[in-house]
Amino acid sequence: MTKKQLVAVWCIVAMLVATNIFQLTRNGATTGRNSTGRTRAMAVPTEKSALAIAQSLLLAISKGNSHLSKTHFEVSFDTSRDGWVVSGHLPNGYRGGDSRIVIRRSDAIILEIYLGK
């Protein structure tokens, strides 16, 4: 991945996280607790927001030449990492591999990106 692509990916992630945090604080939605026990807004509180971030990342990484519309995504929560695991699988007959992105719920840090070939 080139430096320009990496910057584009991080801009997309930052925009999604900022939008999500704004909506949370405006609506008084889901909160969590930080290390001091104080409540704070979650950066990625739902499966839907994790899926949106993962799809944006995959689109940016693949330069728009992916089969995202045909990809089946599954979202689960990994308590050991406190993060959302978004796994994508292409149907039989399509070239390309599986993908997996792990996004930490509290601050939207991308913990893992895996793209199969």
PDB file of N, CA and C in Angstrom:
ATOM      1  N   MET A   1       0.841  -1.164   0.000  1.00  0.00           N
ATOM      2  CA  MET A   1       0.000   0.000   0.000  1.00  0.00           C
ATOM      3  C   MET A   1       0.894   1.238   0.000  1.00  0.00           C
ATOM      4  N   THR A   2       0.587   2.164  -0.887  1.00  0.00           N
ATOM      5  CA  THR A   2       1.385   3.377  -0.978  1.00  0.00           C
ATOM      6  C   THR A   2       1.011   4.339   0.153  1.00  0.00           C
ATOM      7  N   LYS A   3       1.862   5.330   0.339  1.00  0.00           N
ATOM      8  CA  LYS A   3       1.618   6.319   1.386  1.00  0.00           C
ATOM      9  C   LYS A   3       0.327   7.090   1.110  1.00  0.00           C
ATOM     10  N   LYS A   4       0.076   7.375  -0.154  1.00  0.00           N
ATOM     11  CA  LYS A   4      -1.130   8.114  -0.531  1.00  0.00           C
ATOM     12  C   LYS A   4      -2.388   7.304  -0.206  1.00  0.00           C
ATOM     13  N   GLN A   5      -2.358   5.993  -0.478  1.00  0.00           N
ATOM     14  CA  GLN A   5      -3.499   5.138  -0.168  1.00  0.00           C
ATOM     15  C   GLN A   5      -3.712   5.044   1.339  1.00  0.00           C
ATOM     16  N   LEU A   6      -2.625   4.939   2.087  1.00  0.00           N
ATOM     17  CA  LEU A   6      -2.722   4.842   3.532  1.00  0.00           C
ATOM     18  C   LEU A   6      -3.333   6.105   4.123  1.00  0.00           C
ATOM     19  N   VAL A   7      -2.938   7.255   3.606  1.00  0.00           N
ATOM     20  CA  VAL A   7      -3.505   8.527   4.071  1.00  0.00           C
ATOM     21  C   VAL A   7      -5.000   8.572   3.752  1.00  0.00           C
ATOM     22  N   ALA A   8      -5.388   8.107   2.576  1.00  0.00           N
ATOM     23  CA  ALA A   8      -6.803   8.091   2.204  1.00  0.00           C
ATOM     24  C   ALA A   8      -7.607   7.193   3.143  1.00  0.00           C
ATOM     25  N   VAL A   9      -7.064   6.036   3.478  1.00  0.00           N
ATOM     26  CA  VAL A   9      -7.745   5.102   4.383  1.00  0.00           C
ATOM     27  C   VAL A   9      -7.948   5.746   5.743  1.00  0.00           C
ATOM     28  N   TRP A  10      -6.906   6.371   6.285  1.00  0.00           N
ATOM     29  CA  TRP A  10      -7.018   6.979   7.605  1.00  0.00           C
ATOM     30  C   TRP A  10      -7.957   8.182   7.601  1.00  0.00           C
ATOM     31  N   CYS A  11      -8.033   8.900   6.502  1.00  0.00           N
ATOM     32  CA  CYS A  11      -8.986  10.014   6.410  1.00  0.00           C
ATOM     33  C   CYS A  11     -10.424   9.497   6.461  1.00  0.00           C
ATOM     34  N   ILE A  12     -10.678   8.403   5.771  1.00  0.00           N
ATOM     35  CA  ILE A  12     -12.014   7.801   5.773  1.00  0.00           C
ATOM     36  C   ILE A  12     -12.370   7.347   7.185  1.00  0.00           C
ATOM     37  N   VAL A  13     -11.440   6.657   7.834  1.00  0.00           N
ATOM     38  CA  VAL A  13     -11.690   6.162   9.191  1.00  0.00           C
ATOM     39  C   VAL A  13     -11.939   7.329  10.142  1.00  0.00           C
ATOM     40  N   ALA A  14     -11.123   8.362  10.058  1.00  0.00           N
ATOM     41  CA  ALA A  14     -11.283   9.519  10.948  1.00  0.00           C
ATOM     42  C   ALA A  14     -12.635  10.183  10.739  1.00  0.00           C
ATOM     43  N   MET A  15     -13.068  10.294   9.493  1.00  0.00           N
ATOM     44  CA  MET A  15     -14.350  10.907   9.192  1.00  0.00           C
ATOM     45  C   MET A  15     -15.495  10.071   9.770  1.00  0.00           C
ATOM     46  N   LEU A  16     -15.434   8.754   9.595  1.00  0.00           N
ATOM     47  CA  LEU A  16     -16.481   7.885  10.127  1.00  0.00           C
ATOM     48  C   LEU A  16     -16.532   7.927  11.642  1.00  0.00           C
ATOM     49  N   VAL A  17     -15.383   7.910  12.280  1.00  0.00           N
ATOM     50  CA  VAL A  17     -15.332   7.937  13.744  1.00  0.00           C
ATOM     51  C   VAL A  17     -15.851   9.271  14.263  1.00  0.00           C
ATOM     52  N   ALA A  18     -15.441  10.366  13.645  1.00  0.00           N
ATOM     53  CA  ALA A  18     -15.897  11.690  14.094  1.00  0.00           C
ATOM     54  C   ALA A  18     -17.414  11.815  13.950  1.00  0.00           C
ATOM     55  N   THR A  19     -17.958  11.343  12.851  1.00  0.00           N
ATOM     56  CA  THR A  19     -19.402  11.383  12.637  1.00  0.00           C
ATOM     57  C   THR A  19     -20.119  10.555  13.683  1.00  0.00           C
ATOM     58  N   ASN A  20     -19.579   9.379  13.951  1.00  0.00           N
ATOM     59  CA  ASN A  20     -20.182   8.476  14.917  1.00  0.00           C
ATOM     60  C   ASN A  20     -20.158   9.066  16.326  1.00  0.00           C
ATOM     61  N   ILE A  21     -19.050   9.646  16.735  1.00  0.00           N
ATOM     62  CA  ILE A  21     -18.938  10.244  18.062  1.00  0.00           C
ATOM     63  C   ILE A  21     -19.888  11.431  18.194  1.00  0.00           C
ATOM     64  N   PHE A  22     -20.004  12.239  17.138  1.00  0.00           N
ATOM     65  CA  PHE A  22     -20.925  13.373  17.170  1.00  0.00           C
ATOM     66  C   PHE A  22     -22.355  12.901  17.386  1.00  0.00           C
ATOM     67  N   GLN A  23     -22.756  11.850  16.670  1.00  0.00           N
ATOM     68  CA  GLN A  23     -24.109  11.323  16.816  1.00  0.00           C
ATOM     69  C   GLN A  23     -24.327  10.756  18.207  1.00  0.00           C
ATOM     70  N   LEU A  24     -23.319  10.093  18.755  1.00  0.00           N
ATOM     71  CA  LEU A  24     -23.445   9.522  20.099  1.00  0.00           C
ATOM     72  C   LEU A  24     -23.633  10.599  21.149  1.00  0.00           C
ATOM     73  N   THR A  25     -22.799  11.628  21.086  1.00  0.00           N
ATOM     74  CA  THR A  25     -22.888  12.660  22.108  1.00  0.00           C
ATOM     75  C   THR A  25     -24.172  13.480  21.953  1.00  0.00           C
ATOM     76  N   ARG A  26     -24.635  13.647  20.740  1.00  0.00           N
ATOM     77  CA  ARG A  26     -25.868  14.395  20.512  1.00  0.00           C
ATOM     78  C   ARG A  26     -27.087  13.610  21.004  1.00  0.00           C
ATOM     79  N   ASN A  27     -27.068  12.284  20.791  1.00  0.00           N
ATOM     80  CA  ASN A  27     -28.213  11.458  21.165  1.00  0.00           C
ATOM     81  C   ASN A  27     -28.092  10.870  22.566  1.00  0.00           C
ATOM     82  N   GLY A  28     -26.945  11.056  23.217  1.00  0.00           N
ATOM     83  CA  GLY A  28     -26.747  10.485  24.536  1.00  0.00           C
ATOM     84  C   GLY A  28     -26.751   8.966  24.508  1.00  0.00           C
ATOM     85  N   ALA A  29     -26.210   8.387  23.458  1.00  0.00           N
ATOM     86  CA  ALA A  29     -26.270   6.933  23.256  1.00  0.00           C
ATOM     87  C   ALA A  29     -25.211   6.204  24.066  1.00  0.00           C
ATOM     88  N   THR A  30     -24.893   5.006  23.629  1.00  0.00           N
ATOM     89  CA  THR A  30     -24.037   4.055  24.335  1.00  0.00           C
ATOM     90  C   THR A  30     -22.773   4.690  24.902  1.00  0.00           C
ATOM     91  N   THR A  31     -22.493   4.356  26.146  1.00  0.00           N
ATOM     92  CA  THR A  31     -21.268   4.812  26.779  1.00  0.00           C
ATOM     93  C   THR A  31     -20.542   3.632  27.373  1.00  0.00           C
ATOM     94  N   GLY A  32     -19.286   3.829  27.679  1.00  0.00           N
ATOM     95  CA  GLY A  32     -18.488   2.801  28.329  1.00  0.00           C
ATOM     96  C   GLY A  32     -17.735   3.448  29.480  1.00  0.00           C
ATOM     97  N   ARG A  33     -16.846   2.709  30.095  1.00  0.00           N
ATOM     98  CA  ARG A  33     -16.068   3.253  31.201  1.00  0.00           C
ATOM     99  C   ARG A  33     -14.591   3.186  30.854  1.00  0.00           C
ATOM    100  N   ASN A  34     -13.874   4.273  31.137  1.00  0.00           N
ATOM    101  CA  ASN A  34     -12.435   4.282  30.912  1.00  0.00           C
ATOM    102  C   ASN A  34     -11.726   3.755  32.151  1.00  0.00           C
ATOM    103  N   SER A  35     -10.399   3.800  32.175  1.00  0.00           N
ATOM    104  CA  SER A  35      -9.627   3.217  33.264  1.00  0.00           C
ATOM    105  C   SER A  35      -9.877   3.901  34.611  1.00  0.00           C
ATOM    106  N   THR A  36     -10.374   5.124  34.601  1.00  0.00           N
ATOM    107  CA  THR A  36     -10.656   5.818  35.853  1.00  0.00           C
ATOM    108  C   THR A  36     -12.090   5.585  36.322  1.00  0.00           C
ATOM    109  N   GLY A  37     -12.864   4.835  35.549  1.00  0.00           N
ATOM    110  CA  GLY A  37     -14.245   4.553  35.928  1.00  0.00           C
ATOM    111  C   GLY A  37     -15.239   5.576  35.433  1.00  0.00           C
ATOM    112  N   ARG A  38     -14.772   6.615  34.764  1.00  0.00           N
ATOM    113  CA  ARG A  38     -15.685   7.628  34.229  1.00  0.00           C
ATOM    114  C   ARG A  38     -16.311   7.126  32.934  1.00  0.00           C
ATOM    115  N   THR A  39     -17.528   7.548  32.689  1.00  0.00           N
ATOM    116  CA  THR A  39     -18.181   7.137  31.450  1.00  0.00           C
ATOM    117  C   THR A  39     -17.677   7.985  30.297  1.00  0.00           C
ATOM    118  N   ARG A  40     -17.682   7.391  29.124  1.00  0.00           N
ATOM    119  CA  ARG A  40     -17.275   8.083  27.903  1.00  0.00           C
ATOM    120  C   ARG A  40     -17.997   7.443  26.720  1.00  0.00           C
ATOM    121  N   ALA A  41     -18.124   8.190  25.635  1.00  0.00           N
ATOM    122  CA  ALA A  41     -18.799   7.674  24.443  1.00  0.00           C
ATOM    123  C   ALA A  41     -17.910   6.656  23.744  1.00  0.00           C
ATOM    124  N   MET A  42     -18.525   5.602  23.247  1.00  0.00           N
ATOM    125  CA  MET A  42     -17.800   4.588  22.471  1.00  0.00           C
ATOM    126  C   MET A  42     -17.608   5.110  21.053  1.00  0.00           C
ATOM    127  N   ALA A  43     -16.436   4.868  20.482  1.00  0.00           N
ATOM    128  CA  ALA A  43     -16.165   5.315  19.121  1.00  0.00           C
ATOM    129  C   ALA A  43     -16.871   4.420  18.101  1.00  0.00           C
ATOM    130  N   VAL A  44     -16.949   3.121  18.376  1.00  0.00           N
ATOM    131  CA  VAL A  44     -17.598   2.179  17.462  1.00  0.00           C
ATOM    132  C   VAL A  44     -18.548   1.300  18.293  1.00  0.00           C
ATOM    133  N   PRO A  45     -19.737   1.808  18.618  1.00  0.00           N
ATOM    134  CA  PRO A  45     -20.601   1.106  19.560  1.00  0.00           C
ATOM    135  C   PRO A  45     -21.401  -0.058  18.986  1.00  0.00           C
ATOM    136  N   THR A  46     -21.617  -0.073  17.675  1.00  0.00           N
ATOM    137  CA  THR A  46     -22.516  -1.082  17.105  1.00  0.00           C
ATOM    138  C   THR A  46     -21.862  -1.863  15.974  1.00  0.00           C
ATOM    139  N   GLU A  47     -22.481  -3.006  15.669  1.00  0.00           N
ATOM    140  CA  GLU A  47     -22.036  -3.818  14.527  1.00  0.00           C
ATOM    141  C   GLU A  47     -22.144  -3.023  13.229  1.00  0.00           C
ATOM    142  N   LYS A  48     -23.197  -2.250  13.114  1.00  0.00           N
ATOM    143  CA  LYS A  48     -23.437  -1.468  11.895  1.00  0.00           C
ATOM    144  C   LYS A  48     -22.309  -0.466  11.635  1.00  0.00           C
ATOM    145  N   SER A  49     -21.852   0.216  12.682  1.00  0.00           N
ATOM    146  CA  SER A  49     -20.773   1.189  12.500  1.00  0.00           C
ATOM    147  C   SER A  49     -19.450   0.485  12.196  1.00  0.00           C
ATOM    148  N   ALA A  50     -19.206  -0.676  12.817  1.00  0.00           N
ATOM    149  CA  ALA A  50     -17.993  -1.443  12.519  1.00  0.00           C
ATOM    150  C   ALA A  50     -17.994  -1.916  11.067  1.00  0.00           C
ATOM    151  N   LEU A  51     -19.146  -2.357  10.596  1.00  0.00           N
ATOM    152  CA  LEU A  51     -19.257  -2.813   9.209  1.00  0.00           C
ATOM    153  C   LEU A  51     -19.009  -1.669   8.229  1.00  0.00           C
ATOM    154  N   ALA A  52     -19.537  -0.483   8.527  1.00  0.00           N
ATOM    155  CA  ALA A  52     -19.337   0.678   7.649  1.00  0.00           C
ATOM    156  C   ALA A  52     -17.856   1.045   7.560  1.00  0.00           C
ATOM    157  N   ILE A  53     -17.153   1.023   8.691  1.00  0.00           N
ATOM    158  CA  ILE A  53     -15.723   1.338   8.690  1.00  0.00           C
ATOM    159  C   ILE A  53     -14.954   0.291   7.900  1.00  0.00           C
ATOM    160  N   ALA A  54     -15.256  -0.984   8.126  1.00  0.00           N
ATOM    161  CA  ALA A  54     -14.546  -2.068   7.436  1.00  0.00           C
ATOM    162  C   ALA A  54     -14.769  -1.997   5.926  1.00  0.00           C
ATOM    163  N   GLN A  55     -16.003  -1.770   5.508  1.00  0.00           N
ATOM    164  CA  GLN A  55     -16.279  -1.675   4.069  1.00  0.00           C
ATOM    165  C   GLN A  55     -15.559  -0.482   3.446  1.00  0.00           C
ATOM    166  N   SER A  56     -15.487   0.632   4.142  1.00  0.00           N
ATOM    167  CA  SER A  56     -14.759   1.801   3.631  1.00  0.00           C
ATOM    168  C   SER A  56     -13.273   1.499   3.482  1.00  0.00           C
ATOM    169  N   LEU A  57     -12.716   0.812   4.478  1.00  0.00           N
ATOM    170  CA  LEU A  57     -11.304   0.437   4.397  1.00  0.00           C
ATOM    171  C   LEU A  57     -11.047  -0.498   3.220  1.00  0.00           C
ATOM    172  N   LEU A  58     -11.880  -1.511   3.063  1.00  0.00           N
ATOM    173  CA  LEU A  58     -11.691  -2.464   1.960  1.00  0.00           C
ATOM    174  C   LEU A  58     -11.816  -1.781   0.607  1.00  0.00           C
ATOM    175  N   LEU A  59     -12.757  -0.861   0.491  1.00  0.00           N
ATOM    176  CA  LEU A  59     -12.931  -0.127  -0.760  1.00  0.00           C
ATOM    177  C   LEU A  59     -11.703   0.716  -1.073  1.00  0.00           C
ATOM    178  N   ALA A  60     -11.150   1.389  -0.058  1.00  0.00           N
ATOM    179  CA  ALA A  60      -9.961   2.216  -0.266  1.00  0.00           C
ATOM    180  C   ALA A  60      -8.734   1.366  -0.586  1.00  0.00           C
ATOM    181  N   ILE A  61      -8.582   0.246   0.097  1.00  0.00           N
ATOM    182  CA  ILE A  61      -7.424  -0.619  -0.136  1.00  0.00           C
ATOM    183  C   ILE A  61      -7.465  -1.230  -1.524  1.00  0.00           C
ATOM    184  N   SER A  62      -8.655  -1.625  -1.955  1.00  0.00           N
ATOM    185  CA  SER A  62      -8.778  -2.307  -3.248  1.00  0.00           C
ATOM    186  C   SER A  62      -8.922  -1.333  -4.411  1.00  0.00           C
ATOM    187  N   LYS A  63      -8.824  -0.048  -4.146  1.00  0.00           N
ATOM    188  CA  LYS A  63      -8.916   1.003  -5.173  1.00  0.00           C
ATOM    189  C   LYS A  63     -10.249   0.958  -5.913  1.00  0.00           C
ATOM    190  N   GLY A  64     -11.296   0.505  -5.244  1.00  0.00           N
ATOM    191  CA  GLY A  64     -12.621   0.465  -5.851  1.00  0.00           C
ATOM    192  C   GLY A  64     -12.849  -0.709  -6.778  1.00  0.00           C
ATOM    193  N   ASN A  65     -11.869  -1.592  -6.925  1.00  0.00           N
ATOM    194  CA  ASN A  65     -12.004  -2.731  -7.836  1.00  0.00           C
ATOM    195  C   ASN A  65     -12.359  -4.016  -7.103  1.00  0.00           C
ATOM    196  N   SER A  66     -13.170  -3.924  -6.093  1.00  0.00           N
ATOM    197  CA  SER A  66     -13.501  -5.119  -5.326  1.00  0.00           C
ATOM    198  C   SER A  66     -14.925  -5.566  -5.632  1.00  0.00           C
ATOM    199  N   HIS A  67     -15.260  -6.707  -5.111  1.00  0.00           N
ATOM    200  CA  HIS A  67     -16.601  -7.255  -5.256  1.00  0.00           C
ATOM    201  C   HIS A  67     -17.362  -7.041  -3.950  1.00  0.00           C
ATOM    202  N   LEU A  68     -17.295  -5.831  -3.399  1.00  0.00           N
ATOM    203  CA  LEU A  68     -17.921  -5.573  -2.100  1.00  0.00           C
ATOM    204  C   LEU A  68     -19.415  -5.846  -2.117  1.00  0.00           C
ATOM    205  N   SER A  69     -20.067  -5.570  -3.228  1.00  0.00           N
ATOM    206  CA  SER A  69     -21.514  -5.794  -3.281  1.00  0.00           C
ATOM    207  C   SER A  69     -21.858  -7.280  -3.228  1.00  0.00           C
ATOM    208  N   LYS A  70     -20.912  -8.135  -3.613  1.00  0.00           N
ATOM    209  CA  LYS A  70     -21.147  -9.574  -3.600  1.00  0.00           C
ATOM    210  C   LYS A  70     -20.559 -10.256  -2.361  1.00  0.00           C
ATOM    211  N   THR A  71     -19.812  -9.495  -1.566  1.00  0.00           N
ATOM    212  CA  THR A  71     -19.160 -10.065  -0.394  1.00  0.00           C
ATOM    213  C   THR A  71     -20.145 -10.218   0.752  1.00  0.00           C
ATOM    214  N   HIS A  72     -20.123 -11.386   1.380  1.00  0.00           N
ATOM    215  CA  HIS A  72     -20.950 -11.641   2.558  1.00  0.00           C
ATOM    216  C   HIS A  72     -20.127 -11.301   3.799  1.00  0.00           C
ATOM    217  N   PHE A  73     -20.622 -10.386   4.619  1.00  0.00           N
ATOM    218  CA  PHE A  73     -19.896  -9.961   5.811  1.00  0.00           C
ATOM    219  C   PHE A  73     -20.554 -10.521   7.064  1.00  0.00           C
ATOM    220  N   GLU A  74     -19.713 -10.890   8.014  1.00  0.00           N
ATOM    221  CA  GLU A  74     -20.168 -11.306   9.336  1.00  0.00           C
ATOM    222  C   GLU A  74     -19.449 -10.432  10.353  1.00  0.00           C
ATOM    223  N   VAL A  75     -20.193  -9.939  11.330  1.00  0.00           N
ATOM    224  CA  VAL A  75     -19.609  -9.091  12.367  1.00  0.00           C
ATOM    225  C   VAL A  75     -19.807  -9.782  13.713  1.00  0.00           C
ATOM    226  N   SER A  76     -18.724  -9.887  14.475  1.00  0.00           N
ATOM    227  CA  SER A  76     -18.805 -10.461  15.820  1.00  0.00           C
ATOM    228  C   SER A  76     -17.968  -9.596  16.756  1.00  0.00           C
ATOM    229  N   PHE A  77     -18.137  -9.816  18.042  1.00  0.00           N
ATOM    230  CA  PHE A  77     -17.388  -9.041  19.018  1.00  0.00           C
ATOM    231  C   PHE A  77     -16.411  -9.950  19.742  1.00  0.00           C
ATOM    232  N   ASP A  78     -15.139  -9.547  19.794  1.00  0.00           N
ATOM    233  CA  ASP A  78     -14.088 -10.300  20.479  1.00  0.00           C
ATOM    234  C   ASP A  78     -13.809  -9.603  21.813  1.00  0.00           C
ATOM    235  N   THR A  79     -14.243 -10.223  22.908  1.00  0.00           N
ATOM    236  CA  THR A  79     -14.096  -9.594  24.220  1.00  0.00           C
ATOM    237  C   THR A  79     -12.636  -9.494  24.660  1.00  0.00           C
ATOM    238  N   SER A  80     -11.793 -10.420  24.217  1.00  0.00           N
ATOM    239  CA  SER A  80     -10.388 -10.373  24.628  1.00  0.00           C
ATOM    240  C   SER A  80      -9.665  -9.166  24.037  1.00  0.00           C
ATOM    241  N   ARG A  81     -10.104  -8.694  22.883  1.00  0.00           N
ATOM    242  CA  ARG A  81      -9.498  -7.518  22.247  1.00  0.00           C
ATOM    243  C   ARG A  81     -10.349  -6.267  22.405  1.00  0.00           C
ATOM    244  N   ASP A  82     -11.547  -6.426  22.955  1.00  0.00           N
ATOM    245  CA  ASP A  82     -12.518  -5.344  23.045  1.00  0.00           C
ATOM    246  C   ASP A  82     -12.738  -4.722  21.670  1.00  0.00           C
ATOM    247  N   GLY A  83     -12.906  -5.584  20.673  1.00  0.00           N
ATOM    248  CA  GLY A  83     -13.037  -5.082  19.313  1.00  0.00           C
ATOM    249  C   GLY A  83     -14.005  -5.876  18.466  1.00  0.00           C
ATOM    250  N   TRP A  84     -14.453  -5.220  17.422  1.00  0.00           N
ATOM    251  CA  TRP A  84     -15.340  -5.843  16.444  1.00  0.00           C
ATOM    252  C   TRP A  84     -14.495  -6.569  15.400  1.00  0.00           C
ATOM    253  N   VAL A  85     -14.890  -7.776  15.060  1.00  0.00           N
ATOM    254  CA  VAL A  85     -14.224  -8.565  14.023  1.00  0.00           C
ATOM    255  C   VAL A  85     -15.180  -8.615  12.838  1.00  0.00           C
ATOM    256  N   VAL A  86     -14.761  -8.027  11.729  1.00  0.00           N
ATOM    257  CA  VAL A  86     -15.574  -8.017  10.516  1.00  0.00           C
ATOM    258  C   VAL A  86     -14.894  -8.943   9.511  1.00  0.00           C
ATOM    259  N   SER A  87     -15.581 -10.034   9.167  1.00  0.00           N
ATOM    260  CA  SER A  87     -15.039 -11.021   8.229  1.00  0.00           C
ATOM    261  C   SER A  87     -15.852 -10.982   6.950  1.00  0.00           C
ATOM    262  N   GLY A  88     -15.152 -10.993   5.817  1.00  0.00           N
ATOM    263  CA  GLY A  88     -15.816 -10.988   4.519  1.00  0.00           C
ATOM    264  C   GLY A  88     -15.463 -12.223   3.717  1.00  0.00           C
ATOM    265  N   HIS A  89     -16.457 -12.777   3.033  1.00  0.00           N
ATOM    266  CA  HIS A  89     -16.266 -13.989   2.232  1.00  0.00           C
ATOM    267  C   HIS A  89     -16.931 -13.791   0.874  1.00  0.00           C
ATOM    268  N   LEU A  90     -16.169 -14.070  -0.186  1.00  0.00           N
ATOM    269  CA  LEU A  90     -16.738 -14.015  -1.530  1.00  0.00           C
ATOM    270  C   LEU A  90     -17.418 -15.338  -1.854  1.00  0.00           C
ATOM    271  N   PRO A  91     -18.488 -15.308  -2.653  1.00  0.00           N
ATOM    272  CA  PRO A  91     -19.134 -16.553  -3.054  1.00  0.00           C
ATOM    273  C   PRO A  91     -18.226 -17.372  -3.972  1.00  0.00           C
ATOM    274  N   ASN A  92     -18.515 -18.660  -4.102  1.00  0.00           N
ATOM    275  CA  ASN A  92     -17.744 -19.522  -5.006  1.00  0.00           C
ATOM    276  C   ASN A  92     -17.809 -18.971  -6.420  1.00  0.00           C
ATOM    277  N   GLY A  93     -16.707 -19.083  -7.140  1.00  0.00           N
ATOM    278  CA  GLY A  93     -16.646 -18.613  -8.515  1.00  0.00           C
ATOM    279  C   GLY A  93     -16.021 -17.237  -8.669  1.00  0.00           C
ATOM    280  N   TYR A  94     -15.823 -16.528  -7.579  1.00  0.00           N
ATOM    281  CA  TYR A  94     -15.198 -15.207  -7.642  1.00  0.00           C
ATOM    282  C   TYR A  94     -13.735 -15.313  -7.256  1.00  0.00           C
ATOM    283  N   ARG A  95     -12.904 -14.551  -7.961  1.00  0.00           N
ATOM    284  CA  ARG A  95     -11.485 -14.532  -7.619  1.00  0.00           C
ATOM    285  C   ARG A  95     -11.270 -13.581  -6.460  1.00  0.00           C
ATOM    286  N   GLY A  96     -10.424 -14.012  -5.565  1.00  0.00           N
ATOM    287  CA  GLY A  96     -10.137 -13.199  -4.388  1.00  0.00           C
ATOM    288  C   GLY A  96     -10.295 -14.039  -3.149  1.00  0.00           C
ATOM    289  N   GLY A  97      -9.831 -13.515  -2.068  1.00  0.00           N
ATOM    290  CA  GLY A  97      -9.864 -14.291  -0.843  1.00  0.00           C
ATOM    291  C   GLY A  97     -10.740 -13.674   0.216  1.00  0.00           C
ATOM    292  N   ASP A  98     -10.650 -14.250   1.375  1.00  0.00           N
ATOM    293  CA  ASP A  98     -11.394 -13.747   2.514  1.00  0.00           C
ATOM    294  C   ASP A  98     -10.697 -12.515   3.081  1.00  0.00           C
ATOM    295  N   SER A  99     -11.435 -11.760   3.839  1.00  0.00           N
ATOM    296  CA  SER A  99     -10.864 -10.590   4.501  1.00  0.00           C
ATOM    297  C   SER A  99     -11.312 -10.582   5.957  1.00  0.00           C
ATOM    298  N   ARG A 100     -10.497  -9.956   6.796  1.00  0.00           N
ATOM    299  CA  ARG A 100     -10.838  -9.823   8.211  1.00  0.00           C
ATOM    300  C   ARG A 100     -10.232  -8.511   8.713  1.00  0.00           C
ATOM    301  N   ILE A 101     -11.057  -7.729   9.358  1.00  0.00           N
ATOM    302  CA  ILE A 101     -10.611  -6.471   9.947  1.00  0.00           C
ATOM    303  C   ILE A 101     -11.090  -6.446  11.395  1.00  0.00           C
ATOM    304  N   VAL A 102     -10.184  -6.124  12.316  1.00  0.00           N
ATOM    305  CA  VAL A 102     -10.535  -6.019  13.729  1.00  0.00           C
ATOM    306  C   VAL A 102     -10.415  -4.544  14.128  1.00  0.00           C
ATOM    307  N   ILE A 103     -11.509  -4.008  14.661  1.00  0.00           N
ATOM    308  CA  ILE A 103     -11.582  -2.591  15.023  1.00  0.00           C
ATOM    309  C   ILE A 103     -11.884  -2.487  16.521  1.00  0.00           C
ATOM    310  N   ARG A 104     -11.008  -1.818  17.262  1.00  0.00           N
ATOM    311  CA  ARG A 104     -11.238  -1.663  18.698  1.00  0.00           C
ATOM    312  C   ARG A 104     -12.447  -0.759  18.935  1.00  0.00           C
ATOM    313  N   ARG A 105     -13.350  -1.204  19.780  1.00  0.00           N
ATOM    314  CA  ARG A 105     -14.612  -0.505  20.026  1.00  0.00           C
ATOM    315  C   ARG A 105     -14.414   0.858  20.678  1.00  0.00           C
ATOM    316  N   SER A 106     -13.505   0.967  21.615  1.00  0.00           N
ATOM    317  CA  SER A 106     -13.384   2.189  22.410  1.00  0.00           C
ATOM    318  C   SER A 106     -12.833   3.384  21.641  1.00  0.00           C
ATOM    319  N   ASP A 107     -11.909   3.148  20.698  1.00  0.00           N
ATOM    320  CA  ASP A 107     -11.286   4.284  20.019  1.00  0.00           C
ATOM    321  C   ASP A 107     -11.123   4.107  18.505  1.00  0.00           C
ATOM    322  N   ALA A 108     -11.703   3.058  17.941  1.00  0.00           N
ATOM    323  CA  ALA A 108     -11.701   2.803  16.494  1.00  0.00           C
ATOM    324  C   ALA A 108     -10.318   2.535  15.907  1.00  0.00           C
ATOM    325  N   ILE A 109      -9.370   2.139  16.738  1.00  0.00           N
ATOM    326  CA  ILE A 109      -8.050   1.761  16.227  1.00  0.00           C
ATOM    327  C   ILE A 109      -8.194   0.445  15.468  1.00  0.00           C
ATOM    328  N   ILE A 110      -7.581   0.377  14.283  1.00  0.00           N
ATOM    329  CA  ILE A 110      -7.592  -0.852  13.492  1.00  0.00           C
ATOM    330  C   ILE A 110      -6.509  -1.761  14.058  1.00  0.00           C
ATOM    331  N   LEU A 111      -6.914  -2.877  14.658  1.00  0.00           N
ATOM    332  CA  LEU A 111      -5.964  -3.784  15.283  1.00  0.00           C
ATOM    333  C   LEU A 111      -5.408  -4.808  14.299  1.00  0.00           C
ATOM    334  N   GLU A 112      -6.174  -5.130  13.276  1.00  0.00           N
ATOM    335  CA  GLU A 112      -5.730  -6.149  12.328  1.00  0.00           C
ATOM    336  C   GLU A 112      -6.442  -5.955  10.992  1.00  0.00           C
ATOM    337  N   ILE A 113      -5.677  -6.132   9.925  1.00  0.00           N
ATOM    338  CA  ILE A 113      -6.257  -6.190   8.577  1.00  0.00           C
ATOM    339  C   ILE A 113      -5.658  -7.409   7.901  1.00  0.00           C
ATOM    340  N   TYR A 114      -6.512  -8.304   7.428  1.00  0.00           N
ATOM    341  CA  TYR A 114      -6.056  -9.488   6.699  1.00  0.00           C
ATOM    342  C   TYR A 114      -6.814  -9.531   5.384  1.00  0.00           C
ATOM    343  N   LEU A 115      -6.073  -9.661   4.296  1.00  0.00           N
ATOM    344  CA  LEU A 115      -6.689  -9.794   2.981  1.00  0.00           C
ATOM    345  C   LEU A 115      -6.105 -11.022   2.301  1.00  0.00           C
ATOM    346  N   GLY A 116      -6.932 -12.005   2.014  1.00  0.00           N
ATOM    347  CA  GLY A 116      -6.479 -13.194   1.303  1.00  0.00           C
ATOM    348  C   GLY A 116      -6.406 -12.928  -0.188  1.00  0.00           C
ATOM    349  N   LYS A 117      -5.663 -13.769  -0.893  1.00  0.00           N
ATOM    350  CA  LYS A 117      -5.537 -13.576  -2.345  1.00  0.00           C
ATOM    351  C   LYS A 117      -6.333 -14.558  -3.131  1.00  0.00           C
TER     352      LYS A 117
END
